PDB file of N, CA and C in Angstrom:
ATOM      1  N   UNK A   1      -1.256  12.466 -19.802  1.00  0.00           N
ATOM      2  CA  UNK A   1      -0.687  11.184 -20.147  1.00  0.00           C
ATOM      3  C   UNK A   1       0.552  11.402 -21.010  1.00  0.00           C
ATOM      4  N   UNK A   2       1.532  10.587 -20.787  1.00  0.00           N
ATOM      5  CA  UNK A   2       2.786  10.673 -21.513  1.00  0.00           C
ATOM      6  C   UNK A   2       2.627  10.176 -22.938  1.00  0.00           C
ATOM      7  N   UNK A   3       3.342  10.817 -23.852  1.00  0.00           N
ATOM      8  CA  UNK A   3       3.383  10.334 -25.230  1.00  0.00           C
ATOM      9  C   UNK A   3       4.717   9.630 -25.444  1.00  0.00           C
ATOM     10  N   UNK A   4       4.772   8.700 -26.397  1.00  0.00           N
ATOM     11  CA  UNK A   4       6.036   8.001 -26.647  1.00  0.00           C
ATOM     12  C   UNK A   4       7.158   8.994 -26.954  1.00  0.00           C
ATOM     13  N   UNK A   5       8.317   8.739 -26.400  1.00  0.00           N
ATOM     14  CA  UNK A   5       9.471   9.593 -26.613  1.00  0.00           C
ATOM     15  C   UNK A   5       9.582  10.751 -25.639  1.00  0.00           C
ATOM     16  N   UNK A   6       8.510  11.020 -24.919  1.00  0.00           N
ATOM     17  CA  UNK A   6       8.536  12.108 -23.933  1.00  0.00           C
ATOM     18  C   UNK A   6       9.268  11.616 -22.685  1.00  0.00           C
ATOM     19  N   UNK A   7      10.125  12.455 -22.099  1.00  0.00           N
ATOM     20  CA  UNK A   7      10.855  12.000 -20.914  1.00  0.00           C
ATOM     21  C   UNK A   7       9.909  11.729 -19.741  1.00  0.00           C
ATOM     22  N   UNK A   8      10.265  10.746 -18.970  1.00  0.00           N
ATOM     23  CA  UNK A   8       9.500  10.395 -17.778  1.00  0.00           C
ATOM     24  C   UNK A   8       9.878  11.355 -16.661  1.00  0.00           C
ATOM     25  N   UNK A   9       8.878  11.946 -16.030  1.00  0.00           N
ATOM     26  CA  UNK A   9       9.141  12.804 -14.877  1.00  0.00           C
ATOM     27  C   UNK A   9       8.462  12.193 -13.666  1.00  0.00           C
ATOM     28  N   UNK A  10       9.155  12.212 -12.566  1.00  0.00           N
ATOM     29  CA  UNK A  10       8.643  11.623 -11.332  1.00  0.00           C
ATOM     30  C   UNK A  10       8.725  12.667 -10.233  1.00  0.00           C
ATOM     31  N   UNK A  11       7.643  12.774  -9.471  1.00  0.00           N
ATOM     32  CA  UNK A  11       7.616  13.681  -8.327  1.00  0.00           C
ATOM     33  C   UNK A  11       7.632  12.827  -7.062  1.00  0.00           C
ATOM     34  N   UNK A  12       8.772  12.749  -6.373  1.00  0.00           N
ATOM     35  CA  UNK A  12       8.842  11.942  -5.158  1.00  0.00           C
ATOM     36  C   UNK A  12       7.786  12.339  -4.124  1.00  0.00           C
ATOM     37  N   UNK A  13       7.431  13.619  -4.083  1.00  0.00           N
ATOM     38  CA  UNK A  13       6.387  14.056  -3.155  1.00  0.00           C
ATOM     39  C   UNK A  13       5.056  13.387  -3.447  1.00  0.00           C
ATOM     40  N   UNK A  14       4.745  13.224  -4.735  1.00  0.00           N
ATOM     41  CA  UNK A  14       3.502  12.540  -5.105  1.00  0.00           C
ATOM     42  C   UNK A  14       3.552  11.069  -4.721  1.00  0.00           C
ATOM     43  N   UNK A  15       4.721  10.453  -4.854  1.00  0.00           N
ATOM     44  CA  UNK A  15       4.852   9.057  -4.433  1.00  0.00           C
ATOM     45  C   UNK A  15       4.631   8.927  -2.929  1.00  0.00           C
ATOM     46  N   UNK A  16       5.203   9.852  -2.153  1.00  0.00           N
ATOM     47  CA  UNK A  16       4.989   9.828  -0.699  1.00  0.00           C
ATOM     48  C   UNK A  16       3.519  10.100  -0.363  1.00  0.00           C
ATOM     49  N   UNK A  17       2.892  11.003  -1.101  1.00  0.00           N
ATOM     50  CA  UNK A  17       1.475  11.301  -0.874  1.00  0.00           C
ATOM     51  C   UNK A  17       0.619  10.067  -1.160  1.00  0.00           C
ATOM     52  N   UNK A  18       0.907   9.380  -2.245  1.00  0.00           N
ATOM     53  CA  UNK A  18       0.162   8.168  -2.581  1.00  0.00           C
ATOM     54  C   UNK A  18       0.375   7.099  -1.517  1.00  0.00           C
ATOM     55  N   UNK A  19       1.596   6.985  -1.007  1.00  0.00           N
ATOM     56  CA  UNK A  19       1.866   6.024   0.064  1.00  0.00           C
ATOM     57  C   UNK A  19       1.015   6.345   1.290  1.00  0.00           C
ATOM     58  N   UNK A  20       0.896   7.618   1.614  1.00  0.00           N
ATOM     59  CA  UNK A  20       0.043   8.026   2.734  1.00  0.00           C
ATOM     60  C   UNK A  20      -1.416   7.685   2.492  1.00  0.00           C
ATOM     61  N   UNK A  21      -1.867   7.859   1.254  1.00  0.00           N
ATOM     62  CA  UNK A  21      -3.248   7.511   0.915  1.00  0.00           C
ATOM     63  C   UNK A  21      -3.461   6.005   1.045  1.00  0.00           C
ATOM     64  N   UNK A  22      -2.479   5.220   0.627  1.00  0.00           N
ATOM     65  CA  UNK A  22      -2.582   3.769   0.785  1.00  0.00           C
ATOM     66  C   UNK A  22      -2.655   3.397   2.265  1.00  0.00           C
ATOM     67  N   UNK A  23      -1.858   4.071   3.098  1.00  0.00           N
ATOM     68  CA  UNK A  23      -1.923   3.828   4.545  1.00  0.00           C
ATOM     69  C   UNK A  23      -3.311   4.163   5.091  1.00  0.00           C
ATOM     70  N   UNK A  24      -3.889   5.264   4.608  1.00  0.00           N
ATOM     71  CA  UNK A  24      -5.229   5.667   5.044  1.00  0.00           C
ATOM     72  C   UNK A  24      -6.261   4.632   4.621  1.00  0.00           C
ATOM     73  N   UNK A  25      -6.149   4.160   3.383  1.00  0.00           N
ATOM     74  CA  UNK A  25      -7.079   3.127   2.906  1.00  0.00           C
ATOM     75  C   UNK A  25      -6.934   1.847   3.732  1.00  0.00           C
ATOM     76  N   UNK A  26      -5.701   1.492   4.041  1.00  0.00           N
ATOM     77  CA  UNK A  26      -5.463   0.293   4.844  1.00  0.00           C
ATOM     78  C   UNK A  26      -6.090   0.429   6.220  1.00  0.00           C
ATOM     79  N   UNK A  27      -5.946   1.596   6.809  1.00  0.00           N
ATOM     80  CA  UNK A  27      -6.523   1.836   8.129  1.00  0.00           C
ATOM     81  C   UNK A  27      -8.047   1.749   8.081  1.00  0.00           C
ATOM     82  N   UNK A  28      -8.633   2.377   7.069  1.00  0.00           N
ATOM     83  CA  UNK A  28     -10.087   2.321   6.907  1.00  0.00           C
ATOM     84  C   UNK A  28     -10.572   0.910   6.653  1.00  0.00           C
ATOM     85  N   UNK A  29      -9.841   0.187   5.822  1.00  0.00           N
ATOM     86  CA  UNK A  29     -10.192  -1.204   5.543  1.00  0.00           C
ATOM     87  C   UNK A  29     -10.121  -2.028   6.821  1.00  0.00           C
ATOM     88  N   UNK A  30      -9.032  -1.847   7.580  1.00  0.00           N
ATOM     89  CA  UNK A  30      -8.869  -2.605   8.819  1.00  0.00           C
ATOM     90  C   UNK A  30      -9.968  -2.317   9.823  1.00  0.00           C
ATOM     91  N   UNK A  31     -10.341  -1.057   9.960  1.00  0.00           N
ATOM     92  CA  UNK A  31     -11.410  -0.691  10.901  1.00  0.00           C
ATOM     93  C   UNK A  31     -12.750  -1.268  10.456  1.00  0.00           C
ATOM     94  N   UNK A  32     -13.041  -1.181   9.162  1.00  0.00           N
ATOM     95  CA  UNK A  32     -14.303  -1.729   8.650  1.00  0.00           C
ATOM     96  C   UNK A  32     -14.325  -3.242   8.803  1.00  0.00           C
ATOM     97  N   UNK A  33     -13.194  -3.880   8.551  1.00  0.00           N
ATOM     98  CA  UNK A  33     -13.115  -5.328   8.712  1.00  0.00           C
ATOM     99  C   UNK A  33     -13.355  -5.720  10.168  1.00  0.00           C
ATOM    100  N   UNK A  34     -12.690  -5.022  11.098  1.00  0.00           N
ATOM    101  CA  UNK A  34     -12.851  -5.346  12.517  1.00  0.00           C
ATOM    102  C   UNK A  34     -14.304  -5.202  12.955  1.00  0.00           C
ATOM    103  N   UNK A  35     -14.961  -4.137  12.497  1.00  0.00           N
ATOM    104  CA  UNK A  35     -16.366  -3.925  12.859  1.00  0.00           C
ATOM    105  C   UNK A  35     -17.243  -5.033  12.288  1.00  0.00           C
ATOM    106  N   UNK A  36     -17.013  -5.378  11.030  1.00  0.00           N
ATOM    107  CA  UNK A  36     -17.811  -6.439  10.403  1.00  0.00           C
ATOM    108  C   UNK A  36     -17.534  -7.787  11.065  1.00  0.00           C
ATOM    109  N   UNK A  37     -16.276  -8.052  11.384  1.00  0.00           N
ATOM    110  CA  UNK A  37     -15.914  -9.311  12.034  1.00  0.00           C
ATOM    111  C   UNK A  37     -16.575  -9.412  13.408  1.00  0.00           C
ATOM    112  N   UNK A  38     -16.613  -8.305  14.140  1.00  0.00           N
ATOM    113  CA  UNK A  38     -17.243  -8.303  15.459  1.00  0.00           C
ATOM    114  C   UNK A  38     -18.736  -8.600  15.342  1.00  0.00           C
ATOM    115  N   UNK A  39     -19.388  -7.981  14.351  1.00  0.00           N
ATOM    116  CA  UNK A  39     -20.821  -8.247  14.150  1.00  0.00           C
ATOM    117  C   UNK A  39     -21.054  -9.687  13.701  1.00  0.00           C
ATOM    118  N   UNK A  40     -20.230 -10.172  12.791  1.00  0.00           N
ATOM    119  CA  UNK A  40     -20.403 -11.536  12.279  1.00  0.00           C
ATOM    120  C   UNK A  40     -20.146 -12.565  13.371  1.00  0.00           C
ATOM    121  N   UNK A  41     -19.221 -12.273  14.265  1.00  0.00           N
ATOM    122  CA  UNK A  41     -18.915 -13.203  15.343  1.00  0.00           C
ATOM    123  C   UNK A  41     -20.044 -13.361  16.340  1.00  0.00           C
ATOM    124  N   UNK A  42     -20.985 -12.424  16.345  1.00  0.00           N
ATOM    125  CA  UNK A  42     -22.113 -12.477  17.279  1.00  0.00           C
ATOM    126  C   UNK A  42     -23.340 -13.147  16.670  1.00  0.00           C
ATOM    127  N   UNK A  43     -23.240 -13.542  15.411  1.00  0.00           N
ATOM    128  CA  UNK A  43     -24.378 -14.142  14.718  1.00  0.00           C
ATOM    129  C   UNK A  43     -24.657 -15.522  15.298  1.00  0.00           C
ATOM    130  N   UNK A  44     -25.921 -15.795  15.534  1.00  0.00           N
ATOM    131  CA  UNK A  44     -26.352 -17.113  15.993  1.00  0.00           C
ATOM    132  C   UNK A  44     -27.204 -17.729  14.893  1.00  0.00           C
ATOM    133  N   UNK A  45     -26.661 -18.731  14.237  1.00  0.00           N
ATOM    134  CA  UNK A  45     -27.370 -19.354  13.120  1.00  0.00           C
ATOM    135  C   UNK A  45     -28.139 -20.595  13.532  1.00  0.00           C
ATOM    136  N   UNK A  46     -28.074 -20.962  14.778  1.00  0.00           N
ATOM    137  CA  UNK A  46     -28.753 -22.168  15.214  1.00  0.00           C
ATOM    138  C   UNK A  46     -27.889 -23.381  14.930  1.00  0.00           C
ATOM    139  N   UNK A  47     -28.539 -24.478  14.658  1.00  0.00           N
ATOM    140  CA  UNK A  47     -27.782 -25.697  14.388  1.00  0.00           C
ATOM    141  C   UNK A  47     -27.753 -25.953  12.886  1.00  0.00           C
ATOM    142  N   UNK A  48     -26.984 -26.913  12.494  1.00  0.00           N
ATOM    143  CA  UNK A  48     -26.946 -27.280  11.087  1.00  0.00           C
ATOM    144  C   UNK A  48     -25.667 -26.851  10.401  1.00  0.00           C
ATOM    145  N   UNK A  49     -25.683 -26.994   9.091  1.00  0.00           N
ATOM    146  CA  UNK A  49     -24.492 -26.730   8.291  1.00  0.00           C
ATOM    147  C   UNK A  49     -24.057 -25.270   8.339  1.00  0.00           C
ATOM    148  N   UNK A  50     -25.026 -24.353   8.330  1.00  0.00           N
ATOM    149  CA  UNK A  50     -24.676 -22.932   8.355  1.00  0.00           C
ATOM    150  C   UNK A  50     -23.928 -22.596   9.637  1.00  0.00           C
ATOM    151  N   UNK A  51     -24.418 -23.082  10.737  1.00  0.00           N
ATOM    152  CA  UNK A  51     -23.773 -22.829  12.023  1.00  0.00           C
ATOM    153  C   UNK A  51     -22.393 -23.467  12.070  1.00  0.00           C
ATOM    154  N   UNK A  52     -22.280 -24.661  11.533  1.00  0.00           N
ATOM    155  CA  UNK A  52     -20.994 -25.358  11.535  1.00  0.00           C
ATOM    156  C   UNK A  52     -19.989 -24.673  10.613  1.00  0.00           C
ATOM    157  N   UNK A  53     -20.456 -24.055   9.551  1.00  0.00           N
ATOM    158  CA  UNK A  53     -19.564 -23.430   8.582  1.00  0.00           C
ATOM    159  C   UNK A  53     -19.102 -22.036   8.956  1.00  0.00           C
ATOM    160  N   UNK A  54     -19.819 -21.380   9.884  1.00  0.00           N
ATOM    161  CA  UNK A  54     -19.493 -19.998  10.229  1.00  0.00           C
ATOM    162  C   UNK A  54     -18.061 -19.814  10.741  1.00  0.00           C
ATOM    163  N   UNK A  55     -17.577 -20.633  11.673  1.00  0.00           N
ATOM    164  CA  UNK A  55     -16.198 -20.428  12.147  1.00  0.00           C
ATOM    165  C   UNK A  55     -15.160 -20.517  11.019  1.00  0.00           C
ATOM    166  N   UNK A  56     -15.350 -21.452  10.111  1.00  0.00           N
ATOM    167  CA  UNK A  56     -14.424 -21.577   8.986  1.00  0.00           C
ATOM    168  C   UNK A  56     -14.472 -20.368   8.079  1.00  0.00           C
ATOM    169  N   UNK A  57     -15.690 -19.856   7.854  1.00  0.00           N
ATOM    170  CA  UNK A  57     -15.838 -18.676   7.012  1.00  0.00           C
ATOM    171  C   UNK A  57     -15.161 -17.471   7.665  1.00  0.00           C
ATOM    172  N   UNK A  58     -15.359 -17.316   8.961  1.00  0.00           N
ATOM    173  CA  UNK A  58     -14.744 -16.191   9.670  1.00  0.00           C
ATOM    174  C   UNK A  58     -13.220 -16.308   9.682  1.00  0.00           C
ATOM    175  N   UNK A  59     -12.702 -17.527   9.813  1.00  0.00           N
ATOM    176  CA  UNK A  59     -11.249 -17.727   9.788  1.00  0.00           C
ATOM    177  C   UNK A  59     -10.680 -17.388   8.409  1.00  0.00           C
ATOM    178  N   UNK A  60     -11.370 -17.814   7.358  1.00  0.00           N
ATOM    179  CA  UNK A  60     -10.920 -17.494   5.991  1.00  0.00           C
ATOM    180  C   UNK A  60     -10.973 -15.991   5.763  1.00  0.00           C
ATOM    181  N   UNK A  61     -12.011 -15.367   6.272  1.00  0.00           N
ATOM    182  CA  UNK A  61     -12.174 -13.922   6.129  1.00  0.00           C
ATOM    183  C   UNK A  61     -11.037 -13.196   6.855  1.00  0.00           C
ATOM    184  N   UNK A  62     -10.668 -13.688   8.027  1.00  0.00           N
ATOM    185  CA  UNK A  62      -9.566 -13.084   8.782  1.00  0.00           C
ATOM    186  C   UNK A  62      -8.250 -13.227   8.017  1.00  0.00           C
ATOM    187  N   UNK A  63      -8.033 -14.389   7.411  1.00  0.00           N
ATOM    188  CA  UNK A  63      -6.812 -14.603   6.621  1.00  0.00           C
ATOM    189  C   UNK A  63      -6.780 -13.655   5.422  1.00  0.00           C
ATOM    190  N   UNK A  64      -7.926 -13.484   4.770  1.00  0.00           N
ATOM    191  CA  UNK A  64      -8.003 -12.553   3.632  1.00  0.00           C
ATOM    192  C   UNK A  64      -7.698 -11.127   4.084  1.00  0.00           C
ATOM    193  N   UNK A  65      -8.264 -10.726   5.204  1.00  0.00           N
ATOM    194  CA  UNK A  65      -8.054  -9.365   5.707  1.00  0.00           C
ATOM    195  C   UNK A  65      -6.578  -9.132   6.023  1.00  0.00           C
ATOM    196  N   UNK A  66      -5.929 -10.126   6.597  1.00  0.00           N
ATOM    197  CA  UNK A  66      -4.501 -10.018   6.894  1.00  0.00           C
ATOM    198  C   UNK A  66      -3.702  -9.873   5.601  1.00  0.00           C
ATOM    199  N   UNK A  67      -4.062 -10.676   4.606  1.00  0.00           N
ATOM    200  CA  UNK A  67      -3.365 -10.615   3.316  1.00  0.00           C
ATOM    201  C   UNK A  67      -3.570  -9.258   2.644  1.00  0.00           C
ATOM    202  N   UNK A  68      -4.801  -8.751   2.673  1.00  0.00           N
ATOM    203  CA  UNK A  68      -5.082  -7.446   2.056  1.00  0.00           C
ATOM    204  C   UNK A  68      -4.337  -6.331   2.785  1.00  0.00           C
ATOM    205  N   UNK A  69      -4.308  -6.404   4.105  1.00  0.00           N
ATOM    206  CA  UNK A  69      -3.576  -5.405   4.884  1.00  0.00           C
ATOM    207  C   UNK A  69      -2.096  -5.417   4.541  1.00  0.00           C
ATOM    208  N   UNK A  70      -1.543  -6.614   4.376  1.00  0.00           N
ATOM    209  CA  UNK A  70      -0.130  -6.729   4.007  1.00  0.00           C
ATOM    210  C   UNK A  70       0.114  -6.151   2.613  1.00  0.00           C
ATOM    211  N   UNK A  71      -0.838  -6.331   1.705  1.00  0.00           N
ATOM    212  CA  UNK A  71      -0.692  -5.773   0.354  1.00  0.00           C
ATOM    213  C   UNK A  71      -0.707  -4.245   0.387  1.00  0.00           C
ATOM    214  N   UNK A  72      -1.614  -3.672   1.169  1.00  0.00           N
ATOM    215  CA  UNK A  72      -1.627  -2.208   1.315  1.00  0.00           C
ATOM    216  C   UNK A  72      -0.262  -1.725   1.805  1.00  0.00           C
ATOM    217  N   UNK A  73       0.251  -2.370   2.843  1.00  0.00           N
ATOM    218  CA  UNK A  73       1.538  -1.970   3.425  1.00  0.00           C
ATOM    219  C   UNK A  73       2.673  -2.139   2.419  1.00  0.00           C
ATOM    220  N   UNK A  74       2.645  -3.236   1.673  1.00  0.00           N
ATOM    221  CA  UNK A  74       3.688  -3.496   0.669  1.00  0.00           C
ATOM    222  C   UNK A  74       3.688  -2.413  -0.407  1.00  0.00           C
ATOM    223  N   UNK A  75       2.506  -2.050  -0.890  1.00  0.00           N
ATOM    224  CA  UNK A  75       2.427  -1.032  -1.938  1.00  0.00           C
ATOM    225  C   UNK A  75       2.837   0.349  -1.408  1.00  0.00           C
ATOM    226  N   UNK A  76       2.435   0.673  -0.189  1.00  0.00           N
ATOM    227  CA  UNK A  76       2.837   1.957   0.399  1.00  0.00           C
ATOM    228  C   UNK A  76       4.359   2.012   0.543  1.00  0.00           C
ATOM    229  N   UNK A  77       4.949   0.927   1.034  1.00  0.00           N
ATOM    230  CA  UNK A  77       6.411   0.874   1.178  1.00  0.00           C
ATOM    231  C   UNK A  77       7.081   0.984  -0.187  1.00  0.00           C
ATOM    232  N   UNK A  78       6.532   0.331  -1.193  1.00  0.00           N
ATOM    233  CA  UNK A  78       7.094   0.411  -2.539  1.00  0.00           C
ATOM    234  C   UNK A  78       7.106   1.833  -3.069  1.00  0.00           C
ATOM    235  N   UNK A  79       6.029   2.569  -2.812  1.00  0.00           N
ATOM    236  CA  UNK A  79       5.975   3.973  -3.240  1.00  0.00           C
ATOM    237  C   UNK A  79       7.032   4.806  -2.507  1.00  0.00           C
ATOM    238  N   UNK A  80       7.165   4.577  -1.200  1.00  0.00           N
ATOM    239  CA  UNK A  80       8.171   5.326  -0.432  1.00  0.00           C
ATOM    240  C   UNK A  80       9.591   4.974  -0.885  1.00  0.00           C
ATOM    241  N   UNK A  81       9.831   3.685  -1.094  1.00  0.00           N
ATOM    242  CA  UNK A  81      11.158   3.257  -1.548  1.00  0.00           C
ATOM    243  C   UNK A  81      11.484   3.847  -2.918  1.00  0.00           C
ATOM    244  N   UNK A  82      10.493   3.868  -3.815  1.00  0.00           N
ATOM    245  CA  UNK A  82      10.713   4.441  -5.147  1.00  0.00           C
ATOM    246  C   UNK A  82      11.024   5.931  -5.042  1.00  0.00           C
ATOM    247  N   UNK A  83      10.277   6.637  -4.214  1.00  0.00           N
ATOM    248  CA  UNK A  83      10.528   8.075  -4.041  1.00  0.00           C
ATOM    249  C   UNK A  83      11.944   8.308  -3.530  1.00  0.00           C
ATOM    250  N   UNK A  84      12.345   7.528  -2.537  1.00  0.00           N
ATOM    251  CA  UNK A  84      13.693   7.677  -1.980  1.00  0.00           C
ATOM    252  C   UNK A  84      14.761   7.357  -3.033  1.00  0.00           C
ATOM    253  N   UNK A  85      14.512   6.339  -3.851  1.00  0.00           N
ATOM    254  CA  UNK A  85      15.470   5.970  -4.897  1.00  0.00           C
ATOM    255  C   UNK A  85      15.595   7.078  -5.938  1.00  0.00           C
ATOM    256  N   UNK A  86      14.471   7.690  -6.314  1.00  0.00           N
ATOM    257  CA  UNK A  86      14.534   8.797  -7.276  1.00  0.00           C
ATOM    258  C   UNK A  86      15.330   9.969  -6.708  1.00  0.00           C
ATOM    259  N   UNK A  87      15.119  10.272  -5.428  1.00  0.00           N
ATOM    260  CA  UNK A  87      15.852  11.378  -4.803  1.00  0.00           C
ATOM    261  C   UNK A  87      17.351  11.063  -4.772  1.00  0.00           C
ATOM    262  N   UNK A  88      17.708   9.831  -4.380  1.00  0.00           N
ATOM    263  CA  UNK A  88      19.126   9.444  -4.352  1.00  0.00           C
ATOM    264  C   UNK A  88      19.747   9.539  -5.748  1.00  0.00           C
ATOM    265  N   UNK A  89      19.030   9.043  -6.747  1.00  0.00           N
ATOM    266  CA  UNK A  89      19.540   9.075  -8.121  1.00  0.00           C
ATOM    267  C   UNK A  89      19.716  10.508  -8.598  1.00  0.00           C
ATOM    268  N   UNK A  90      18.719  11.350  -8.333  1.00  0.00           N
ATOM    269  CA  UNK A  90      18.830  12.752  -8.747  1.00  0.00           C
ATOM    270  C   UNK A  90      19.981  13.454  -8.032  1.00  0.00           C
ATOM    271  N   UNK A  91      20.150  13.174  -6.757  1.00  0.00           N
ATOM    272  CA  UNK A  91      21.233  13.789  -5.992  1.00  0.00           C
ATOM    273  C   UNK A  91      22.587  13.352  -6.544  1.00  0.00           C
ATOM    274  N   UNK A  92      22.709  12.058  -6.806  1.00  0.00           N
ATOM    275  CA  UNK A  92      23.965  11.540  -7.366  1.00  0.00           C
ATOM    276  C   UNK A  92      24.209  12.131  -8.752  1.00  0.00           C
ATOM    277  N   UNK A  93      23.166  12.172  -9.580  1.00  0.00           N
ATOM    278  CA  UNK A  93      23.302  12.734 -10.923  1.00  0.00           C
ATOM    279  C   UNK A  93      23.706  14.198 -10.884  1.00  0.00           C
ATOM    280  N   UNK A  94      23.121  14.944  -9.970  1.00  0.00           N
ATOM    281  CA  UNK A  94      23.468  16.366  -9.845  1.00  0.00           C
ATOM    282  C   UNK A  94      24.928  16.522  -9.433  1.00  0.00           C
ATOM    283  N   UNK A  95      25.372  15.669  -8.526  1.00  0.00           N
ATOM    284  CA  UNK A  95      26.772  15.716  -8.102  1.00  0.00           C
ATOM    285  C   UNK A  95      27.713  15.381  -9.246  1.00  0.00           C
ATOM    286  N   UNK A  96      27.334  14.414 -10.052  1.00  0.00           N
ATOM    287  CA  UNK A  96      28.152  14.023 -11.200  1.00  0.00           C
ATOM    288  C   UNK A  96      28.239  15.159 -12.212  1.00  0.00           C
ATOM    289  N   UNK A  97      27.128  15.836 -12.441  1.00  0.00           N
ATOM    290  CA  UNK A  97      27.119  16.978 -13.363  1.00  0.00           C
ATOM    291  C   UNK A  97      28.004  18.092 -12.816  1.00  0.00           C
ATOM    292  N   UNK A  98      27.860  18.366 -11.517  1.00  0.00           N
ATOM    293  CA  UNK A  98      28.689  19.415 -10.901  1.00  0.00           C
ATOM    294  C   UNK A  98      30.177  19.080 -11.018  1.00  0.00           C
ATOM    295  N   UNK A  99      30.517  17.799 -10.860  1.00  0.00           N
ATOM    296  CA  UNK A  99      31.920  17.386 -10.951  1.00  0.00           C
ATOM    297  C   UNK A  99      32.464  17.532 -12.373  1.00  0.00           C
ATOM    298  N   UNK A 100      31.582  17.464 -13.364  1.00  0.00           N
ATOM    299  CA  UNK A 100      32.015  17.547 -14.762  1.00  0.00           C
ATOM    300  C   UNK A 100      32.225  18.982 -15.227  1.00  0.00           C
ATOM    301  N   UNK A 101      31.721  19.939 -14.464  1.00  0.00           N
ATOM    302  CA  UNK A 101      31.861  21.346 -14.854  1.00  0.00           C
ATOM    303  C   UNK A 101      33.308  21.772 -14.635  1.00  0.00           C
ATOM    304  N   UNK A 102      33.954  22.320 -15.692  1.00  0.00           N
ATOM    305  CA  UNK A 102      35.349  22.754 -15.528  1.00  0.00           C
ATOM    306  C   UNK A 102      35.452  23.894 -14.513  1.00  0.00           C
ATOM    307  N   UNK A 103      36.441  23.835 -13.700  1.00  0.00           N
ATOM    308  CA  UNK A 103      36.683  24.869 -12.683  1.00  0.00           C
ATOM    309  C   UNK A 103      37.718  25.853 -13.230  1.00  0.00           C
ATOM    310  N   UNK A 104      37.520  27.120 -12.988  1.00  0.00           N
ATOM    311  CA  UNK A 104      38.479  28.128 -13.471  1.00  0.00           C
ATOM    312  C   UNK A 104      39.609  28.309 -12.493  1.00  0.00           C
TER     313      UNK A 104
END
């Protein structure tokens, strides 16, 4: 853990690795959701309020799953974008330092 005043160090490779892990989690979540949705869609509750409420519950569940999937994708993209920004900044900074070195 960083202490106050210590410089922040960022490893773009770790950001890309975390983005990949988020993609993996999203894929696993999506597969588990699809399997659960398929099983829930086959449920026969008979008549009454429970039966009438099932389609609405499944629709809400589908909307939640879509939202969660989008969040996984958003966070993975954010990690990749941050990694790319750090690399661009470091490259530009290195070029600026090289330009400041007096030439003989």
